[in-house]
């Protein structure tokens, strides 16, 4: 039964990550707690394994496709290590119901963000559809050339003279720390936060921010996992490994699915799933919190 639950849940997580580019990792902790009988501390630690390995595999694929700015991702990830370590330590100091309650709140936030994004996309698409229907069909335009890799100015330079863009440096420090805290405390990738953080702090175009965020998630997940291991928190490795393997394998299928299926339908279905899991988690932990 454990194997079946891990494989099914890992498949759902991988499909979400592959088809939608994120979000699926937030399901790992509820699955490990309620489906595979692990404690909240074990589940948030095991989730770091699922998140880190899946991000690493996805990051390698994105790098081969030319969608990763490796230097900037490594810089952002290294800055976020402090937050990840602090979050990992803090997770061991709070009661289990509070940890799971925080996770339920996170799932509601992710679902709300996805719903807002879907509504915005539909509103933007409606005028375009009406305008397209009013015009006669035109020959397909040639594909636009890929955007040039953004060079940008470095935040800090030491040669020939020392210079610092301090406002950008503060943005980098603040956003990387928040992403690291989220990863370390709750054991999630935080891709929904890492992508806009990279856009804000490093001014990356979206096509590079998505791929580069996988580098950030890999680094912060690994650092948080090291801190938890040092504190003696270890998951039950059998279901975690099964969940990870299934998620990685399904992420490739998810990428193929995204190319064929209606992404809006997939997003709506996943948003509904998040709300259901968040509601169930809240129902389970609310008596203990109240």
C-alpha atoms as a PDB file:
ATOM      1  CA  UNK A   1       0.000   0.000   0.000  1.00  0.00           C
ATOM      2  CA  UNK A   2       2.863   2.357   0.857  1.00  0.00           C
ATOM      3  CA  UNK A   3       4.449   1.739  -2.525  1.00  0.00           C
ATOM      4  CA  UNK A   4       1.180   2.415  -4.350  1.00  0.00           C
ATOM      5  CA  UNK A   5       0.556   5.682  -2.488  1.00  0.00           C
ATOM      6  CA  UNK A   6       4.125   6.880  -3.076  1.00  0.00           C
ATOM      7  CA  UNK A   7       4.029   6.075  -6.788  1.00  0.00           C
ATOM      8  CA  UNK A   8       0.609   7.664  -7.374  1.00  0.00           C
ATOM      9  CA  UNK A   9       1.448  10.781  -5.364  1.00  0.00           C
ATOM     10  CA  UNK A  10       4.880  11.101  -6.960  1.00  0.00           C
ATOM     11  CA  UNK A  11       3.295  10.829 -10.383  1.00  0.00           C
ATOM     12  CA  UNK A  12       0.877  13.674  -9.594  1.00  0.00           C
ATOM     13  CA  UNK A  13       3.712  15.811  -8.256  1.00  0.00           C
ATOM     14  CA  UNK A  14       5.875  15.149 -11.313  1.00  0.00           C
ATOM     15  CA  UNK A  15       3.047  15.787 -13.752  1.00  0.00           C
ATOM     16  CA  UNK A  16       2.390  19.152 -12.116  1.00  0.00           C
ATOM     17  CA  UNK A  17       6.054  20.135 -12.138  1.00  0.00           C
ATOM     18  CA  UNK A  18       6.486  19.064 -15.758  1.00  0.00           C
ATOM     19  CA  UNK A  19       3.229  20.449 -17.129  1.00  0.00           C
ATOM     20  CA  UNK A  20       2.893  23.623 -15.081  1.00  0.00           C
ATOM     21  CA  UNK A  21       6.494  24.389 -14.137  1.00  0.00           C
ATOM     22  CA  UNK A  22       5.923  24.246 -10.379  1.00  0.00           C
ATOM     23  CA  UNK A  23       3.469  23.890  -7.566  1.00  0.00           C
ATOM     24  CA  UNK A  24       3.571  20.118  -7.250  1.00  0.00           C
ATOM     25  CA  UNK A  25       6.145  20.041  -4.481  1.00  0.00           C
ATOM     26  CA  UNK A  26       3.650  21.505  -2.005  1.00  0.00           C
ATOM     27  CA  UNK A  27       1.785  18.195  -2.175  1.00  0.00           C
ATOM     28  CA  UNK A  28       4.782  16.208  -0.921  1.00  0.00           C
ATOM     29  CA  UNK A  29       4.414  17.086   2.768  1.00  0.00           C
ATOM     30  CA  UNK A  30       0.668  16.262   3.079  1.00  0.00           C
ATOM     31  CA  UNK A  31       1.254  12.998   1.219  1.00  0.00           C
ATOM     32  CA  UNK A  32       4.135  12.021   3.500  1.00  0.00           C
ATOM     33  CA  UNK A  33       2.172  12.921   6.660  1.00  0.00           C
ATOM     34  CA  UNK A  34      -1.342  11.681   5.904  1.00  0.00           C
ATOM     35  CA  UNK A  35      -0.624   9.036   3.290  1.00  0.00           C
ATOM     36  CA  UNK A  36       2.700   7.608   4.432  1.00  0.00           C
ATOM     37  CA  UNK A  37       2.483   8.122   8.221  1.00  0.00           C
ATOM     38  CA  UNK A  38       5.538  10.319   8.723  1.00  0.00           C
ATOM     39  CA  UNK A  39       5.824  13.095  11.300  1.00  0.00           C
ATOM     40  CA  UNK A  40       5.753  16.711  10.174  1.00  0.00           C
ATOM     41  CA  UNK A  41       9.509  17.017  10.798  1.00  0.00           C
ATOM     42  CA  UNK A  42      10.216  13.866   8.789  1.00  0.00           C
ATOM     43  CA  UNK A  43       7.852  14.944   6.004  1.00  0.00           C
ATOM     44  CA  UNK A  44       9.293  18.437   5.572  1.00  0.00           C
ATOM     45  CA  UNK A  45      12.784  16.893   5.535  1.00  0.00           C
ATOM     46  CA  UNK A  46      11.814  14.206   3.034  1.00  0.00           C
ATOM     47  CA  UNK A  47      10.127  16.836   0.891  1.00  0.00           C
ATOM     48  CA  UNK A  48      13.480  18.596   0.543  1.00  0.00           C
ATOM     49  CA  UNK A  49      14.819  15.455  -1.115  1.00  0.00           C
ATOM     50  CA  UNK A  50      11.891  15.317  -3.549  1.00  0.00           C
ATOM     51  CA  UNK A  51      12.174  19.037  -4.285  1.00  0.00           C
ATOM     52  CA  UNK A  52      15.949  19.122  -4.594  1.00  0.00           C
ATOM     53  CA  UNK A  53      16.336  16.105  -6.861  1.00  0.00           C
ATOM     54  CA  UNK A  54      13.423  17.109  -9.097  1.00  0.00           C
ATOM     55  CA  UNK A  55      14.790  20.663  -9.377  1.00  0.00           C
ATOM     56  CA  UNK A  56      18.252  19.329 -10.212  1.00  0.00           C
ATOM     57  CA  UNK A  57      16.929  17.118 -13.019  1.00  0.00           C
ATOM     58  CA  UNK A  58      14.706  19.900 -14.342  1.00  0.00           C
ATOM     59  CA  UNK A  59      17.562  22.381 -14.088  1.00  0.00           C
ATOM     60  CA  UNK A  60      19.855  20.190 -16.181  1.00  0.00           C
ATOM     61  CA  UNK A  61      17.173  19.949 -18.874  1.00  0.00           C
ATOM     62  CA  UNK A  62      16.607  23.719 -18.779  1.00  0.00           C
ATOM     63  CA  UNK A  63      20.362  24.336 -18.978  1.00  0.00           C
ATOM     64  CA  UNK A  64      20.674  22.168 -22.078  1.00  0.00           C
ATOM     65  CA  UNK A  65      17.802  24.160 -23.590  1.00  0.00           C
ATOM     66  CA  UNK A  66      19.675  27.420 -22.895  1.00  0.00           C
ATOM     67  CA  UNK A  67      17.152  28.749 -20.349  1.00  0.00           C
ATOM     68  CA  UNK A  68      19.459  28.931 -17.320  1.00  0.00           C
ATOM     69  CA  UNK A  69      21.806  31.750 -16.300  1.00  0.00           C
ATOM     70  CA  UNK A  70      24.013  29.562 -14.139  1.00  0.00           C
ATOM     71  CA  UNK A  71      26.164  32.244 -12.540  1.00  0.00           C
ATOM     72  CA  UNK A  72      23.202  34.293 -11.391  1.00  0.00           C
ATOM     73  CA  UNK A  73      21.327  31.256 -10.142  1.00  0.00           C
ATOM     74  CA  UNK A  74      24.325  30.108  -8.113  1.00  0.00           C
ATOM     75  CA  UNK A  75      24.787  33.622  -6.684  1.00  0.00           C
ATOM     76  CA  UNK A  76      21.133  33.878  -5.680  1.00  0.00           C
ATOM     77  CA  UNK A  77      21.189  30.370  -4.210  1.00  0.00           C
ATOM     78  CA  UNK A  78      24.343  30.991  -2.186  1.00  0.00           C
ATOM     79  CA  UNK A  79      22.874  34.189  -0.746  1.00  0.00           C
ATOM     80  CA  UNK A  80      19.748  32.203   0.180  1.00  0.00           C
ATOM     81  CA  UNK A  81      21.682  29.533   2.106  1.00  0.00           C
ATOM     82  CA  UNK A  82      21.554  31.585   5.310  1.00  0.00           C
ATOM     83  CA  UNK A  83      17.774  31.816   5.148  1.00  0.00           C
ATOM     84  CA  UNK A  84      17.485  28.117   4.318  1.00  0.00           C
ATOM     85  CA  UNK A  85      19.617  27.152   7.323  1.00  0.00           C
ATOM     86  CA  UNK A  86      17.635  29.453   9.610  1.00  0.00           C
ATOM     87  CA  UNK A  87      14.327  28.092   8.334  1.00  0.00           C
ATOM     88  CA  UNK A  88      15.500  24.504   8.784  1.00  0.00           C
ATOM     89  CA  UNK A  89      16.473  25.179  12.386  1.00  0.00           C
ATOM     90  CA  UNK A  90      13.241  27.046  13.098  1.00  0.00           C
ATOM     91  CA  UNK A  91      11.123  24.154  11.821  1.00  0.00           C
ATOM     92  CA  UNK A  92      12.429  21.976  14.646  1.00  0.00           C
ATOM     93  CA  UNK A  93      11.378  24.505  17.277  1.00  0.00           C
ATOM     94  CA  UNK A  94       7.668  24.755  16.450  1.00  0.00           C
ATOM     95  CA  UNK A  95       4.969  22.201  17.352  1.00  0.00           C
ATOM     96  CA  UNK A  96       3.860  19.811  14.635  1.00  0.00           C
ATOM     97  CA  UNK A  97       0.311  21.269  14.350  1.00  0.00           C
ATOM     98  CA  UNK A  98       1.758  24.756  13.812  1.00  0.00           C
ATOM     99  CA  UNK A  99       4.105  23.445  11.118  1.00  0.00           C
ATOM    100  CA  UNK A 100       1.281  21.660   9.290  1.00  0.00           C
ATOM    101  CA  UNK A 101      -1.019  24.663   9.766  1.00  0.00           C
ATOM    102  CA  UNK A 102       1.613  26.886   8.161  1.00  0.00           C
ATOM    103  CA  UNK A 103       1.824  24.442   5.307  1.00  0.00           C
ATOM    104  CA  UNK A 104      -1.952  24.489   4.814  1.00  0.00           C
ATOM    105  CA  UNK A 105      -1.831  28.294   4.701  1.00  0.00           C
ATOM    106  CA  UNK A 106       0.908  28.099   2.079  1.00  0.00           C
ATOM    107  CA  UNK A 107      -1.214  25.798  -0.083  1.00  0.00           C
ATOM    108  CA  UNK A 108      -4.132  28.234   0.097  1.00  0.00           C
ATOM    109  CA  UNK A 109      -1.779  31.065  -0.965  1.00  0.00           C
ATOM    110  CA  UNK A 110      -0.389  29.060  -3.890  1.00  0.00           C
ATOM    111  CA  UNK A 111      -3.902  28.091  -5.003  1.00  0.00           C
ATOM    112  CA  UNK A 112      -5.031  31.724  -4.777  1.00  0.00           C
ATOM    113  CA  UNK A 113      -2.036  32.928  -6.813  1.00  0.00           C
ATOM    114  CA  UNK A 114      -2.700  30.308  -9.460  1.00  0.00           C
ATOM    115  CA  UNK A 115      -6.385  31.244  -9.612  1.00  0.00           C
ATOM    116  CA  UNK A 116      -5.543  34.951  -9.983  1.00  0.00           C
ATOM    117  CA  UNK A 117      -3.066  34.117 -12.750  1.00  0.00           C
ATOM    118  CA  UNK A 118      -5.663  32.035 -14.571  1.00  0.00           C
ATOM    119  CA  UNK A 119      -8.302  34.774 -14.349  1.00  0.00           C
ATOM    120  CA  UNK A 120      -5.818  37.352 -15.610  1.00  0.00           C
ATOM    121  CA  UNK A 121      -4.842  35.149 -18.554  1.00  0.00           C
ATOM    122  CA  UNK A 122      -8.493  34.633 -19.512  1.00  0.00           C
ATOM    123  CA  UNK A 123      -9.221  38.358 -19.390  1.00  0.00           C
ATOM    124  CA  UNK A 124      -6.234  39.092 -21.606  1.00  0.00           C
ATOM    125  CA  UNK A 125      -7.155  36.322 -24.030  1.00  0.00           C
ATOM    126  CA  UNK A 126     -10.803  37.373 -24.453  1.00  0.00           C
ATOM    127  CA  UNK A 127     -10.162  40.624 -26.420  1.00  0.00           C
ATOM    128  CA  UNK A 128      -7.560  38.834 -28.529  1.00  0.00           C
ATOM    129  CA  UNK A 129     -10.064  36.111 -29.427  1.00  0.00           C
ATOM    130  CA  UNK A 130     -12.701  38.686 -30.350  1.00  0.00           C
ATOM    131  CA  UNK A 131     -10.234  40.645 -32.442  1.00  0.00           C
ATOM    132  CA  UNK A 132      -9.043  37.468 -34.129  1.00  0.00           C
ATOM    133  CA  UNK A 133     -12.567  36.464 -35.008  1.00  0.00           C
ATOM    134  CA  UNK A 134     -13.213  39.854 -36.598  1.00  0.00           C
ATOM    135  CA  UNK A 135     -10.119  39.725 -38.798  1.00  0.00           C
ATOM    136  CA  UNK A 136      -9.549  37.523 -41.805  1.00  0.00           C
ATOM    137  CA  UNK A 137      -6.962  34.794 -41.307  1.00  0.00           C
ATOM    138  CA  UNK A 138      -3.451  35.846 -42.208  1.00  0.00           C
ATOM    139  CA  UNK A 139      -0.449  33.731 -43.083  1.00  0.00           C
ATOM    140  CA  UNK A 140       1.504  32.617 -40.075  1.00  0.00           C
ATOM    141  CA  UNK A 141       4.270  35.012 -39.195  1.00  0.00           C
ATOM    142  CA  UNK A 142       7.820  33.833 -38.971  1.00  0.00           C
ATOM    143  CA  UNK A 143       8.929  32.757 -35.542  1.00  0.00           C
ATOM    144  CA  UNK A 144      10.459  35.561 -33.539  1.00  0.00           C
ATOM    145  CA  UNK A 145      14.141  35.161 -32.747  1.00  0.00           C
ATOM    146  CA  UNK A 146      14.963  34.157 -29.208  1.00  0.00           C
ATOM    147  CA  UNK A 147      15.696  37.009 -26.878  1.00  0.00           C
ATOM    148  CA  UNK A 148      19.381  37.729 -26.366  1.00  0.00           C
ATOM    149  CA  UNK A 149      20.739  36.489 -23.058  1.00  0.00           C
ATOM    150  CA  UNK A 150      20.484  39.456 -20.685  1.00  0.00           C
ATOM    151  CA  UNK A 151      23.870  40.820 -19.747  1.00  0.00           C
ATOM    152  CA  UNK A 152      22.919  43.550 -17.306  1.00  0.00           C
ATOM    153  CA  UNK A 153      25.267  45.411 -15.002  1.00  0.00           C
ATOM    154  CA  UNK A 154      26.908  43.577 -12.098  1.00  0.00           C
ATOM    155  CA  UNK A 155      25.647  44.504  -8.657  1.00  0.00           C
ATOM    156  CA  UNK A 156      29.166  44.896  -7.247  1.00  0.00           C
ATOM    157  CA  UNK A 157      32.380  45.625  -9.154  1.00  0.00           C
ATOM    158  CA  UNK A 158      35.895  45.992  -7.761  1.00  0.00           C
ATOM    159  CA  UNK A 159      37.852  46.780 -10.912  1.00  0.00           C
ATOM    160  CA  UNK A 160      38.892  49.295 -12.091  1.00  0.00           C
ATOM    161  CA  UNK A 161      37.125  51.009  -9.174  1.00  0.00           C
ATOM    162  CA  UNK A 162      34.770  49.760  -6.496  1.00  0.00           C
ATOM    163  CA  UNK A 163      31.103  50.325  -7.291  1.00  0.00           C
ATOM    164  CA  UNK A 164      27.941  48.993  -5.693  1.00  0.00           C
ATOM    165  CA  UNK A 165      24.314  49.146  -6.812  1.00  0.00           C
ATOM    166  CA  UNK A 166      23.175  49.001  -3.214  1.00  0.00           C
ATOM    167  CA  UNK A 167      19.433  49.035  -3.913  1.00  0.00           C
ATOM    168  CA  UNK A 168      19.766  45.931  -6.106  1.00  0.00           C
ATOM    169  CA  UNK A 169      22.054  44.322  -3.529  1.00  0.00           C
ATOM    170  CA  UNK A 170      19.420  44.834  -0.827  1.00  0.00           C
ATOM    171  CA  UNK A 171      16.726  43.375  -3.106  1.00  0.00           C
ATOM    172  CA  UNK A 172      18.925  40.348  -3.745  1.00  0.00           C
ATOM    173  CA  UNK A 173      19.623  39.832  -0.048  1.00  0.00           C
ATOM    174  CA  UNK A 174      15.981  40.217   1.001  1.00  0.00           C
ATOM    175  CA  UNK A 175      14.410  38.087  -1.715  1.00  0.00           C
ATOM    176  CA  UNK A 176      17.018  35.304  -1.552  1.00  0.00           C
ATOM    177  CA  UNK A 177      16.660  35.124   2.237  1.00  0.00           C
ATOM    178  CA  UNK A 178      12.869  34.845   2.027  1.00  0.00           C
ATOM    179  CA  UNK A 179      13.076  32.091  -0.595  1.00  0.00           C
ATOM    180  CA  UNK A 180      15.623  30.243   1.550  1.00  0.00           C
ATOM    181  CA  UNK A 181      13.502  30.604   4.688  1.00  0.00           C
ATOM    182  CA  UNK A 182      10.475  29.168   2.923  1.00  0.00           C
ATOM    183  CA  UNK A 183      12.470  26.241   1.572  1.00  0.00           C
ATOM    184  CA  UNK A 184      14.135  25.451   4.884  1.00  0.00           C
ATOM    185  CA  UNK A 185      11.096  25.869   7.107  1.00  0.00           C
ATOM    186  CA  UNK A 186       8.425  24.108   5.077  1.00  0.00           C
ATOM    187  CA  UNK A 187      10.507  21.886   2.813  1.00  0.00           C
ATOM    188  CA  UNK A 188       9.079  23.263  -0.438  1.00  0.00           C
ATOM    189  CA  UNK A 189      10.823  24.480  -3.553  1.00  0.00           C
ATOM    190  CA  UNK A 190       9.192  27.885  -3.513  1.00  0.00           C
ATOM    191  CA  UNK A 191       9.310  28.150  -7.298  1.00  0.00           C
ATOM    192  CA  UNK A 192       6.175  30.309  -7.238  1.00  0.00           C
ATOM    193  CA  UNK A 193       8.206  32.739  -5.103  1.00  0.00           C
ATOM    194  CA  UNK A 194      11.693  32.180  -6.581  1.00  0.00           C
ATOM    195  CA  UNK A 195      10.655  33.085 -10.131  1.00  0.00           C
ATOM    196  CA  UNK A 196       9.234  36.549  -9.324  1.00  0.00           C
ATOM    197  CA  UNK A 197      12.121  37.063  -6.879  1.00  0.00           C
ATOM    198  CA  UNK A 198      14.644  36.555  -9.680  1.00  0.00           C
ATOM    199  CA  UNK A 199      12.685  38.934 -11.892  1.00  0.00           C
ATOM    200  CA  UNK A 200      12.624  41.545  -9.106  1.00  0.00           C
ATOM    201  CA  UNK A 201      16.155  41.199  -7.752  1.00  0.00           C
ATOM    202  CA  UNK A 202      18.136  40.398 -10.904  1.00  0.00           C
ATOM    203  CA  UNK A 203      15.787  41.757 -13.589  1.00  0.00           C
ATOM    204  CA  UNK A 204      15.759  38.449 -15.459  1.00  0.00           C
ATOM    205  CA  UNK A 205      13.328  37.901 -18.333  1.00  0.00           C
ATOM    206  CA  UNK A 206      10.683  35.324 -17.465  1.00  0.00           C
ATOM    207  CA  UNK A 207      12.062  32.678 -19.849  1.00  0.00           C
ATOM    208  CA  UNK A 208      15.364  32.714 -17.932  1.00  0.00           C
ATOM    209  CA  UNK A 209      13.872  33.218 -14.478  1.00  0.00           C
ATOM    210  CA  UNK A 210      11.927  29.933 -14.637  1.00  0.00           C
ATOM    211  CA  UNK A 211      14.979  27.854 -15.552  1.00  0.00           C
ATOM    212  CA  UNK A 212      17.351  29.729 -13.249  1.00  0.00           C
ATOM    213  CA  UNK A 213      14.979  29.268 -10.299  1.00  0.00           C
ATOM    214  CA  UNK A 214      15.662  25.519 -10.484  1.00  0.00           C
ATOM    215  CA  UNK A 215      19.323  26.214  -9.707  1.00  0.00           C
ATOM    216  CA  UNK A 216      18.286  28.303  -6.713  1.00  0.00           C
ATOM    217  CA  UNK A 217      15.898  25.625  -5.448  1.00  0.00           C
ATOM    218  CA  UNK A 218      18.557  22.911  -5.779  1.00  0.00           C
ATOM    219  CA  UNK A 219      21.069  24.882  -3.697  1.00  0.00           C
ATOM    220  CA  UNK A 220      18.666  25.996  -0.960  1.00  0.00           C
ATOM    221  CA  UNK A 221      17.076  22.548  -0.674  1.00  0.00           C
ATOM    222  CA  UNK A 222      20.485  20.894  -0.319  1.00  0.00           C
ATOM    223  CA  UNK A 223      21.648  23.357   2.338  1.00  0.00           C
ATOM    224  CA  UNK A 224      18.424  22.999   4.359  1.00  0.00           C
ATOM    225  CA  UNK A 225      18.705  19.212   4.127  1.00  0.00           C
ATOM    226  CA  UNK A 226      22.265  19.331   5.493  1.00  0.00           C
ATOM    227  CA  UNK A 227      21.123  21.421   8.480  1.00  0.00           C
ATOM    228  CA  UNK A 228      18.250  19.044   9.248  1.00  0.00           C
ATOM    229  CA  UNK A 229      20.487  16.006   8.945  1.00  0.00           C
ATOM    230  CA  UNK A 230      22.927  17.643  11.352  1.00  0.00           C
ATOM    231  CA  UNK A 231      20.066  18.141  13.813  1.00  0.00           C
ATOM    232  CA  UNK A 232      19.237  14.425  13.656  1.00  0.00           C
ATOM    233  CA  UNK A 233      16.018  14.720  11.629  1.00  0.00           C
ATOM    234  CA  UNK A 234      15.814  11.855   9.131  1.00  0.00           C
ATOM    235  CA  UNK A 235      12.830  10.753   7.037  1.00  0.00           C
ATOM    236  CA  UNK A 236      11.747   7.212   6.310  1.00  0.00           C
ATOM    237  CA  UNK A 237      13.845   6.804   3.187  1.00  0.00           C
ATOM    238  CA  UNK A 238      11.859   4.100   1.395  1.00  0.00           C
ATOM    239  CA  UNK A 239       8.712   6.147   0.641  1.00  0.00           C
ATOM    240  CA  UNK A 240      10.796   9.283   0.040  1.00  0.00           C
ATOM    241  CA  UNK A 241      12.919   7.552  -2.597  1.00  0.00           C
ATOM    242  CA  UNK A 242       9.821   6.073  -4.267  1.00  0.00           C
ATOM    243  CA  UNK A 243       8.116   9.471  -4.259  1.00  0.00           C
ATOM    244  CA  UNK A 244      11.218  11.120  -5.740  1.00  0.00           C
ATOM    245  CA  UNK A 245      11.725   8.562  -8.504  1.00  0.00           C
ATOM    246  CA  UNK A 246       8.054   8.706  -9.494  1.00  0.00           C
ATOM    247  CA  UNK A 247       8.081  12.526  -9.494  1.00  0.00           C
ATOM    248  CA  UNK A 248      11.198  12.754 -11.661  1.00  0.00           C
ATOM    249  CA  UNK A 249       9.891  10.170 -14.137  1.00  0.00           C
ATOM    250  CA  UNK A 250       6.457  11.801 -14.352  1.00  0.00           C
ATOM    251  CA  UNK A 251       7.922  15.285 -14.835  1.00  0.00           C
ATOM    252  CA  UNK A 252       9.077  14.254 -18.316  1.00  0.00           C
ATOM    253  CA  UNK A 253       5.581  13.017 -19.119  1.00  0.00           C
ATOM    254  CA  UNK A 254       4.190  16.261 -17.725  1.00  0.00           C
ATOM    255  CA  UNK A 255       6.340  18.281 -20.108  1.00  0.00           C
ATOM    256  CA  UNK A 256       4.960  16.293 -23.039  1.00  0.00           C
ATOM    257  CA  UNK A 257       1.431  16.680 -21.694  1.00  0.00           C
ATOM    258  CA  UNK A 258       1.823  20.440 -21.534  1.00  0.00           C
ATOM    259  CA  UNK A 259       2.623  20.519 -25.245  1.00  0.00           C
ATOM    260  CA  UNK A 260      -0.598  18.704 -26.141  1.00  0.00           C
ATOM    261  CA  UNK A 261      -3.204  19.504 -23.482  1.00  0.00           C
ATOM    262  CA  UNK A 262      -4.945  22.764 -22.615  1.00  0.00           C
ATOM    263  CA  UNK A 263      -2.729  24.311 -19.928  1.00  0.00           C
ATOM    264  CA  UNK A 264      -5.646  26.308 -18.520  1.00  0.00           C
ATOM    265  CA  UNK A 265      -7.564  23.098 -17.837  1.00  0.00           C
ATOM    266  CA  UNK A 266      -4.515  21.559 -16.163  1.00  0.00           C
ATOM    267  CA  UNK A 267      -4.004  24.651 -14.006  1.00  0.00           C
ATOM    268  CA  UNK A 268      -7.654  24.715 -12.962  1.00  0.00           C
ATOM    269  CA  UNK A 269      -7.582  21.019 -12.025  1.00  0.00           C
ATOM    270  CA  UNK A 270      -4.400  21.437 -10.001  1.00  0.00           C
ATOM    271  CA  UNK A 271      -5.763  24.522  -8.238  1.00  0.00           C
ATOM    272  CA  UNK A 272      -8.800  22.505  -7.197  1.00  0.00           C
ATOM    273  CA  UNK A 273      -6.557  19.682  -5.946  1.00  0.00           C
ATOM    274  CA  UNK A 274      -4.507  22.130  -3.882  1.00  0.00           C
ATOM    275  CA  UNK A 275      -7.630  23.546  -2.283  1.00  0.00           C
ATOM    276  CA  UNK A 276      -8.872  20.058  -1.398  1.00  0.00           C
ATOM    277  CA  UNK A 277      -5.548  19.046   0.174  1.00  0.00           C
ATOM    278  CA  UNK A 278      -5.239  22.379   1.995  1.00  0.00           C
ATOM    279  CA  UNK A 279      -8.777  22.023   3.355  1.00  0.00           C
ATOM    280  CA  UNK A 280      -8.118  18.453   4.520  1.00  0.00           C
ATOM    281  CA  UNK A 281      -4.850  19.493   6.194  1.00  0.00           C
ATOM    282  CA  UNK A 282      -6.587  22.377   7.961  1.00  0.00           C
ATOM    283  CA  UNK A 283      -9.371  20.070   9.140  1.00  0.00           C
ATOM    284  CA  UNK A 284      -6.810  17.655  10.569  1.00  0.00           C
ATOM    285  CA  UNK A 285      -4.678  20.189  12.444  1.00  0.00           C
ATOM    286  CA  UNK A 286      -7.254  22.827  13.436  1.00  0.00           C
ATOM    287  CA  UNK A 287      -8.389  21.061  16.636  1.00  0.00           C
ATOM    288  CA  UNK A 288      -4.778  20.809  17.836  1.00  0.00           C
ATOM    289  CA  UNK A 289      -4.013  24.454  17.002  1.00  0.00           C
ATOM    290  CA  UNK A 290      -7.215  25.838  18.530  1.00  0.00           C
END
